PDB file of N, CA and C in Angstrom:
ATOM      1  N   MET A   1     249.489  67.467 -58.263  1.00  0.00           N
ATOM      2  CA  MET A   1     248.679  68.527 -57.644  1.00  0.00           C
ATOM      3  C   MET A   1     247.356  68.595 -58.407  1.00  0.00           C
ATOM      4  N   GLY A   2     246.729  69.430 -58.762  1.00  0.00           N
ATOM      5  CA  GLY A   2     245.570  69.515 -59.617  1.00  0.00           C
ATOM      6  C   GLY A   2     244.351  68.702 -59.224  1.00  0.00           C
ATOM      7  N   GLU A   3     244.462  67.793 -58.280  1.00  0.00           N
ATOM      8  CA  GLU A   3     243.315  66.983 -57.888  1.00  0.00           C
ATOM      9  C   GLU A   3     242.410  67.811 -56.987  1.00  0.00           C
ATOM     10  N   THR A   4     241.131  67.816 -57.292  1.00  0.00           N
ATOM     11  CA  THR A   4     240.199  68.598 -56.486  1.00  0.00           C
ATOM     12  C   THR A   4     239.809  67.843 -55.221  1.00  0.00           C
ATOM     13  N   ALA A   5     239.309  68.592 -54.246  1.00  0.00           N
ATOM     14  CA  ALA A   5     238.829  67.969 -53.003  1.00  0.00           C
ATOM     15  C   ALA A   5     237.710  66.990 -53.309  1.00  0.00           C
ATOM     16  N   SER A   6     236.847  67.325 -54.257  1.00  0.00           N
ATOM     17  CA  SER A   6     235.745  66.417 -54.581  1.00  0.00           C
ATOM     18  C   SER A   6     236.263  65.113 -55.187  1.00  0.00           C
ATOM     19  N   LYS A   7     237.330  65.182 -55.984  1.00  0.00           N
ATOM     20  CA  LYS A   7     237.914  63.955 -56.561  1.00  0.00           C
ATOM     21  C   LYS A   7     238.549  63.105 -55.471  1.00  0.00           C
ATOM     22  N   LEU A   8     239.277  63.745 -54.568  1.00  0.00           N
ATOM     23  CA  LEU A   8     239.874  63.023 -53.448  1.00  0.00           C
ATOM     24  C   LEU A   8     238.789  62.397 -52.575  1.00  0.00           C
ATOM     25  N   ALA A   9     237.746  63.180 -52.268  1.00  0.00           N
ATOM     26  CA  ALA A   9     236.629  62.666 -51.465  1.00  0.00           C
ATOM     27  C   ALA A   9     235.953  61.499 -52.173  1.00  0.00           C
ATOM     28  N   TYR A  10     235.763  61.623 -53.488  1.00  0.00           N
ATOM     29  CA  TYR A  10     235.137  60.551 -54.262  1.00  0.00           C
ATOM     30  C   TYR A  10     235.962  59.270 -54.158  1.00  0.00           C
ATOM     31  N   ASP A  11     237.273  59.391 -54.343  1.00  0.00           N
ATOM     32  CA  ASP A  11     238.142  58.209 -54.293  1.00  0.00           C
ATOM     33  C   ASP A  11     238.099  57.543 -52.920  1.00  0.00           C
ATOM     34  N   ILE A  12     238.124  58.347 -51.865  1.00  0.00           N
ATOM     35  CA  ILE A  12     238.055  57.797 -50.502  1.00  0.00           C
ATOM     36  C   ILE A  12     236.689  57.173 -50.247  1.00  0.00           C
ATOM     37  N   TRP A  13     235.621  57.868 -50.641  1.00  0.00           N
ATOM     38  CA  TRP A  13     234.266  57.325 -50.461  1.00  0.00           C
ATOM     39  C   TRP A  13     234.113  56.019 -51.243  1.00  0.00           C
ATOM     40  N   ASN A  14     234.646  55.990 -52.460  1.00  0.00           N
ATOM     41  CA  ASN A  14     234.464  54.842 -53.349  1.00  0.00           C
ATOM     42  C   ASN A  14     235.005  53.552 -52.745  1.00  0.00           C
ATOM     43  N   VAL A  15     236.057  53.628 -51.956  1.00  0.00           N
ATOM     44  CA  VAL A  15     236.616  52.417 -51.342  1.00  0.00           C
ATOM     45  C   VAL A  15     236.085  52.185 -49.924  1.00  0.00           C
ATOM     46  N   SER A  16     235.245  53.085 -49.442  1.00  0.00           N
ATOM     47  CA  SER A  16     234.772  53.001 -48.052  1.00  0.00           C
ATOM     48  C   SER A  16     233.703  51.943 -47.825  1.00  0.00           C
ATOM     49  N   GLY A  17     232.946  51.619 -48.866  1.00  0.00           N
ATOM     50  CA  GLY A  17     231.840  50.682 -48.693  1.00  0.00           C
ATOM     51  C   GLY A  17     230.585  51.317 -48.126  1.00  0.00           C
ATOM     52  N   VAL A  18     230.593  52.616 -47.916  1.00  0.00           N
ATOM     53  CA  VAL A  18     229.438  53.344 -47.379  1.00  0.00           C
ATOM     54  C   VAL A  18     228.616  53.862 -48.549  1.00  0.00           C
ATOM     55  N   SER A  19     227.321  53.628 -48.523  1.00  0.00           N
ATOM     56  CA  SER A  19     226.472  54.137 -49.600  1.00  0.00           C
ATOM     57  C   SER A  19     226.333  55.657 -49.486  1.00  0.00           C
ATOM     58  N   GLN A  20     225.996  56.295 -50.598  1.00  0.00           N
ATOM     59  CA  GLN A  20     225.772  57.740 -50.568  1.00  0.00           C
ATOM     60  C   GLN A  20     224.601  58.084 -49.647  1.00  0.00           C
ATOM     61  N   LYS A  21     223.599  57.235 -49.618  1.00  0.00           N
ATOM     62  CA  LYS A  21     222.453  57.476 -48.741  1.00  0.00           C
ATOM     63  C   LYS A  21     222.882  57.447 -47.272  1.00  0.00           C
ATOM     64  N   LYS A  22     223.681  56.456 -46.892  1.00  0.00           N
ATOM     65  CA  LYS A  22     224.154  56.340 -45.505  1.00  0.00           C
ATOM     66  C   LYS A  22     225.091  57.494 -45.160  1.00  0.00           C
ATOM     67  N   LEU A  23     225.943  57.872 -46.106  1.00  0.00           N
ATOM     68  CA  LEU A  23     226.838  58.996 -45.888  1.00  0.00           C
ATOM     69  C   LEU A  23     226.040  60.279 -45.668  1.00  0.00           C
ATOM     70  N   ALA A  24     225.007  60.475 -46.462  1.00  0.00           N
ATOM     71  CA  ALA A  24     224.139  61.657 -46.295  1.00  0.00           C
ATOM     72  C   ALA A  24     223.523  61.667 -44.904  1.00  0.00           C
ATOM     73  N   GLU A  25     223.028  60.530 -44.458  1.00  0.00           N
ATOM     74  CA  GLU A  25     222.429  60.441 -43.122  1.00  0.00           C
ATOM     75  C   GLU A  25     223.449  60.794 -42.046  1.00  0.00           C
ATOM     76  N   LYS A  26     224.645  60.214 -42.143  1.00  0.00           N
ATOM     77  CA  LYS A  26     225.675  60.454 -41.133  1.00  0.00           C
ATOM     78  C   LYS A  26     226.177  61.894 -41.148  1.00  0.00           C
ATOM     79  N   MET A  27     226.105  62.552 -42.318  1.00  0.00           N
ATOM     80  CA  MET A  27     226.526  63.944 -42.422  1.00  0.00           C
ATOM     81  C   MET A  27     225.408  64.912 -42.039  1.00  0.00           C
ATOM     82  N   GLY A  28     224.205  64.379 -41.790  1.00  0.00           N
ATOM     83  CA  GLY A  28     223.083  65.242 -41.431  1.00  0.00           C
ATOM     84  C   GLY A  28     222.448  65.934 -42.627  1.00  0.00           C
ATOM     85  N   LEU A  29     222.628  65.346 -43.812  1.00  0.00           N
ATOM     86  CA  LEU A  29     222.047  65.917 -45.028  1.00  0.00           C
ATOM     87  C   LEU A  29     220.695  65.276 -45.289  1.00  0.00           C
ATOM     88  N   LYS A  30     219.844  65.990 -46.000  1.00  0.00           N
ATOM     89  CA  LYS A  30     218.474  65.499 -46.218  1.00  0.00           C
ATOM     90  C   LYS A  30     218.375  64.438 -47.308  1.00  0.00           C
ATOM     91  N   THR A  31     219.265  64.513 -48.302  1.00  0.00           N
ATOM     92  CA  THR A  31     219.132  63.586 -49.430  1.00  0.00           C
ATOM     93  C   THR A  31     220.479  63.015 -49.858  1.00  0.00           C
ATOM     94  N   GLN A  32     220.422  61.878 -50.516  1.00  0.00           N
ATOM     95  CA  GLN A  32     221.595  61.269 -51.136  1.00  0.00           C
ATOM     96  C   GLN A  32     222.100  62.159 -52.255  1.00  0.00           C
ATOM     97  N   GLN A  33     221.200  62.879 -52.898  1.00  0.00           N
ATOM     98  CA  GLN A  33     221.560  63.763 -54.014  1.00  0.00           C
ATOM     99  C   GLN A  33     222.566  64.825 -53.587  1.00  0.00           C
ATOM    100  N   ALA A  34     222.474  65.283 -52.344  1.00  0.00           N
ATOM    101  CA  ALA A  34     223.423  66.288 -51.835  1.00  0.00           C
ATOM    102  C   ALA A  34     224.844  65.715 -51.825  1.00  0.00           C
ATOM    103  N   VAL A  35     224.988  64.463 -51.413  1.00  0.00           N
ATOM    104  CA  VAL A  35     226.298  63.809 -51.416  1.00  0.00           C
ATOM    105  C   VAL A  35     226.777  63.615 -52.855  1.00  0.00           C
ATOM    106  N   PHE A  36     225.889  63.166 -53.713  1.00  0.00           N
ATOM    107  CA  PHE A  36     226.239  62.985 -55.126  1.00  0.00           C
ATOM    108  C   PHE A  36     226.777  64.288 -55.705  1.00  0.00           C
ATOM    109  N   ASN A  37     226.099  65.392 -55.435  1.00  0.00           N
ATOM    110  CA  ASN A  37     226.526  66.693 -55.965  1.00  0.00           C
ATOM    111  C   ASN A  37     227.898  67.092 -55.432  1.00  0.00           C
ATOM    112  N   MET A  38     228.165  66.829 -54.154  1.00  0.00           N
ATOM    113  CA  MET A  38     229.476  67.147 -53.587  1.00  0.00           C
ATOM    114  C   MET A  38     230.575  66.315 -54.240  1.00  0.00           C
ATOM    115  N   LEU A  39     230.317  65.029 -54.390  1.00  0.00           N
ATOM    116  CA  LEU A  39     231.326  64.120 -54.928  1.00  0.00           C
ATOM    117  C   LEU A  39     231.598  64.349 -56.414  1.00  0.00           C
ATOM    118  N   ASN A  40     230.650  64.940 -57.101  1.00  0.00           N
ATOM    119  CA  ASN A  40     230.780  65.145 -58.541  1.00  0.00           C
ATOM    120  C   ASN A  40     230.943  66.606 -58.923  1.00  0.00           C
ATOM    121  N   ALA A  41     231.265  67.441 -57.954  1.00  0.00           N
ATOM    122  CA  ALA A  41     231.438  68.873 -58.219  1.00  0.00           C
ATOM    123  C   ALA A  41     232.641  69.081 -59.131  1.00  0.00           C
ATOM    124  N   LYS A  42     232.427  69.710 -60.246  1.00  0.00           N
ATOM    125  CA  LYS A  42     233.505  69.935 -61.209  1.00  0.00           C
ATOM    126  C   LYS A  42     234.508  70.977 -60.718  1.00  0.00           C
ATOM    127  N   ASN A  43     234.058  71.904 -59.884  1.00  0.00           N
ATOM    128  CA  ASN A  43     234.934  72.973 -59.396  1.00  0.00           C
ATOM    129  C   ASN A  43     235.359  72.757 -57.952  1.00  0.00           C
ATOM    130  N   GLY A  44     235.323  71.522 -57.505  1.00  0.00           N
ATOM    131  CA  GLY A  44     235.763  71.228 -56.147  1.00  0.00           C
ATOM    132  C   GLY A  44     234.621  71.216 -55.148  1.00  0.00           C
ATOM    133  N   MET A  45     234.991  71.154 -53.900  1.00  0.00           N
ATOM    134  CA  MET A  45     234.048  70.996 -52.801  1.00  0.00           C
ATOM    135  C   MET A  45     234.402  72.015 -51.729  1.00  0.00           C
ATOM    136  N   ARG A  46     233.400  72.522 -51.052  1.00  0.00           N
ATOM    137  CA  ARG A  46     233.665  73.447 -49.944  1.00  0.00           C
ATOM    138  C   ARG A  46     234.477  72.730 -48.869  1.00  0.00           C
ATOM    139  N   VAL A  47     235.368  73.467 -48.236  1.00  0.00           N
ATOM    140  CA  VAL A  47     236.249  72.887 -47.220  1.00  0.00           C
ATOM    141  C   VAL A  47     235.451  72.290 -46.066  1.00  0.00           C
ATOM    142  N   ASP A  48     234.418  72.985 -45.589  1.00  0.00           N
ATOM    143  CA  ASP A  48     233.651  72.461 -44.460  1.00  0.00           C
ATOM    144  C   ASP A  48     232.978  71.139 -44.808  1.00  0.00           C
ATOM    145  N   ASN A  49     232.483  71.008 -46.025  1.00  0.00           N
ATOM    146  CA  ASN A  49     231.866  69.744 -46.440  1.00  0.00           C
ATOM    147  C   ASN A  49     232.902  68.641 -46.580  1.00  0.00           C
ATOM    148  N   PHE A  50     234.083  68.989 -47.096  1.00  0.00           N
ATOM    149  CA  PHE A  50     235.157  68.011 -47.229  1.00  0.00           C
ATOM    150  C   PHE A  50     235.573  67.487 -45.853  1.00  0.00           C
ATOM    151  N   VAL A  51     235.786  68.391 -44.914  1.00  0.00           N
ATOM    152  CA  VAL A  51     236.213  67.995 -43.565  1.00  0.00           C
ATOM    153  C   VAL A  51     235.145  67.128 -42.907  1.00  0.00           C
ATOM    154  N   ARG A  52     233.891  67.532 -43.027  1.00  0.00           N
ATOM    155  CA  ARG A  52     232.797  66.763 -42.419  1.00  0.00           C
ATOM    156  C   ARG A  52     232.704  65.373 -43.041  1.00  0.00           C
ATOM    157  N   MET A  53     232.823  65.296 -44.366  1.00  0.00           N
ATOM    158  CA  MET A  53     232.737  63.999 -45.042  1.00  0.00           C
ATOM    159  C   MET A  53     233.900  63.095 -44.629  1.00  0.00           C
ATOM    160  N   MET A  54     235.102  63.643 -44.583  1.00  0.00           N
ATOM    161  CA  MET A  54     236.260  62.848 -44.185  1.00  0.00           C
ATOM    162  C   MET A  54     236.098  62.345 -42.757  1.00  0.00           C
ATOM    163  N   ASN A  55     235.578  63.194 -41.873  1.00  0.00           N
ATOM    164  CA  ASN A  55     235.346  62.803 -40.487  1.00  0.00           C
ATOM    165  C   ASN A  55     234.370  61.633 -40.412  1.00  0.00           C
ATOM    166  N   VAL A  56     233.281  61.711 -41.152  1.00  0.00           N
ATOM    167  CA  VAL A  56     232.281  60.636 -41.157  1.00  0.00           C
ATOM    168  C   VAL A  56     232.878  59.347 -41.708  1.00  0.00           C
ATOM    169  N   LEU A  57     233.768  59.470 -42.691  1.00  0.00           N
ATOM    170  CA  LEU A  57     234.389  58.282 -43.285  1.00  0.00           C
ATOM    171  C   LEU A  57     235.573  57.760 -42.472  1.00  0.00           C
ATOM    172  N   GLY A  58     235.885  58.434 -41.353  1.00  0.00           N
ATOM    173  CA  GLY A  58     236.927  57.944 -40.458  1.00  0.00           C
ATOM    174  C   GLY A  58     238.303  58.514 -40.707  1.00  0.00           C
ATOM    175  N   TYR A  59     238.387  59.628 -41.425  1.00  0.00           N
ATOM    176  CA  TYR A  59     239.671  60.262 -41.723  1.00  0.00           C
ATOM    177  C   TYR A  59     239.790  61.588 -40.978  1.00  0.00           C
ATOM    178  N   ASP A  60     241.021  61.951 -40.633  1.00  0.00           N
ATOM    179  CA  ASP A  60     241.324  63.266 -40.084  1.00  0.00           C
ATOM    180  C   ASP A  60     241.889  64.126 -41.210  1.00  0.00           C
ATOM    181  N   VAL A  61     241.573  65.405 -41.172  1.00  0.00           N
ATOM    182  CA  VAL A  61     242.170  66.352 -42.103  1.00  0.00           C
ATOM    183  C   VAL A  61     243.188  67.151 -41.299  1.00  0.00           C
ATOM    184  N   VAL A  62     244.443  67.087 -41.735  1.00  0.00           N
ATOM    185  CA  VAL A  62     245.536  67.723 -41.004  1.00  0.00           C
ATOM    186  C   VAL A  62     246.243  68.706 -41.929  1.00  0.00           C
ATOM    187  N   VAL A  63     246.499  69.895 -41.393  1.00  0.00           N
ATOM    188  CA  VAL A  63     247.262  70.905 -42.114  1.00  0.00           C
ATOM    189  C   VAL A  63     248.599  71.045 -41.398  1.00  0.00           C
ATOM    190  N   ARG A  64     249.686  70.934 -42.158  1.00  0.00           N
ATOM    191  CA  ARG A  64     251.022  70.990 -41.562  1.00  0.00           C
ATOM    192  C   ARG A  64     251.754  72.236 -42.048  1.00  0.00           C
ATOM    193  N   ASN A  65     252.297  72.972 -41.105  1.00  0.00           N
ATOM    194  CA  ASN A  65     253.090  74.150 -41.408  1.00  0.00           C
ATOM    195  C   ASN A  65     254.477  73.685 -41.862  1.00  0.00           C
ATOM    196  N   ARG A  66     254.870  74.039 -43.066  1.00  0.00           N
ATOM    197  CA  ARG A  66     256.166  73.599 -43.600  1.00  0.00           C
ATOM    198  C   ARG A  66     257.343  74.262 -42.901  1.00  0.00           C
ATOM    199  N   VAL A  67     257.119  75.424 -42.304  1.00  0.00           N
ATOM    200  CA  VAL A  67     258.216  76.151 -41.667  1.00  0.00           C
ATOM    201  C   VAL A  67     258.590  75.523 -40.334  1.00  0.00           C
ATOM    202  N   ASN A  68     257.605  75.320 -39.464  1.00  0.00           N
ATOM    203  CA  ASN A  68     257.923  74.794 -38.135  1.00  0.00           C
ATOM    204  C   ASN A  68     257.453  73.353 -37.930  1.00  0.00           C
ATOM    205  N   ASP A  69     256.917  72.740 -38.977  1.00  0.00           N
ATOM    206  CA  ASP A  69     256.484  71.344 -38.962  1.00  0.00           C
ATOM    207  C   ASP A  69     255.389  71.055 -37.941  1.00  0.00           C
ATOM    208  N   LYS A  70     254.672  72.095 -37.507  1.00  0.00           N
ATOM    209  CA  LYS A  70     253.544  71.874 -36.601  1.00  0.00           C
ATOM    210  C   LYS A  70     252.316  71.463 -37.407  1.00  0.00           C
ATOM    211  N   GLU A  71     251.559  70.538 -36.840  1.00  0.00           N
ATOM    212  CA  GLU A  71     250.334  70.086 -37.486  1.00  0.00           C
ATOM    213  C   GLU A  71     249.127  70.614 -36.741  1.00  0.00           C
ATOM    214  N   THR A  72     248.094  70.932 -37.504  1.00  0.00           N
ATOM    215  CA  THR A  72     246.816  71.338 -36.941  1.00  0.00           C
ATOM    216  C   THR A  72     245.748  70.440 -37.538  1.00  0.00           C
ATOM    217  N   MET A  73     244.985  69.776 -36.688  1.00  0.00           N
ATOM    218  CA  MET A  73     243.903  68.943 -37.172  1.00  0.00           C
ATOM    219  C   MET A  73     242.677  69.826 -37.340  1.00  0.00           C
ATOM    220  N   VAL A  74     242.055  69.760 -38.503  1.00  0.00           N
ATOM    221  CA  VAL A  74     240.874  70.545 -38.798  1.00  0.00           C
ATOM    222  C   VAL A  74     239.655  69.725 -38.414  1.00  0.00           C
ATOM    223  N   THR A  75     238.757  70.323 -37.626  1.00  0.00           N
ATOM    224  CA  THR A  75     237.582  69.603 -37.160  1.00  0.00           C
ATOM    225  C   THR A  75     236.353  69.995 -37.976  1.00  0.00           C
ATOM    226  N   PRO A  76     235.335  69.137 -37.979  1.00  0.00           N
ATOM    227  CA  PRO A  76     234.111  69.456 -38.726  1.00  0.00           C
ATOM    228  C   PRO A  76     233.435  70.740 -38.238  1.00  0.00           C
ATOM    229  N   GLU A  77     233.688  71.107 -36.998  1.00  0.00           N
ATOM    230  CA  GLU A  77     233.078  72.317 -36.449  1.00  0.00           C
ATOM    231  C   GLU A  77     233.812  73.563 -36.917  1.00  0.00           C
ATOM    232  N   GLY A  78     234.905  73.373 -37.661  1.00  0.00           N
ATOM    233  CA  GLY A  78     235.637  74.496 -38.222  1.00  0.00           C
ATOM    234  C   GLY A  78     236.819  74.963 -37.394  1.00  0.00           C
ATOM    235  N   GLY A  79     237.060  74.304 -36.297  1.00  0.00           N
ATOM    236  CA  GLY A  79     238.194  74.699 -35.477  1.00  0.00           C
ATOM    237  C   GLY A  79     239.411  73.861 -35.777  1.00  0.00           C
ATOM    238  N   GLY A  80     240.479  74.246 -35.167  1.00  0.00           N
ATOM    239  CA  GLY A  80     241.714  73.488 -35.332  1.00  0.00           C
ATOM    240  C   GLY A  80     242.298  73.170 -33.979  1.00  0.00           C
ATOM    241  N   SER A  81     243.036  72.097 -33.910  1.00  0.00           N
ATOM    242  CA  SER A  81     243.700  71.743 -32.670  1.00  0.00           C
ATOM    243  C   SER A  81     245.083  71.209 -32.994  1.00  0.00           C
ATOM    244  N   GLU A  82     246.039  71.515 -32.138  1.00  0.00           N
ATOM    245  CA  GLU A  82     247.410  71.045 -32.378  1.00  0.00           C
ATOM    246  C   GLU A  82     247.644  69.714 -31.734  1.00  0.00           C
TER     247      GLU A  82
END
């Protein structure tokens, strides 16, 4: 447990082959520095930025209810769908 969203995002980005500059462009950010700051955040990353980054890198973020085993996919727009 203990792994932050920024560490997970960094690990996924690191193997993606996408440059920080290209990732910034695809995320609609103005600079590569914004991506660098997200990936190196010591206290984690905002959920909306994590979801958007994962979406751009080709990943879905899914939240699963342990009680009824239903999954909800979290979208970059902040909504969820079953």
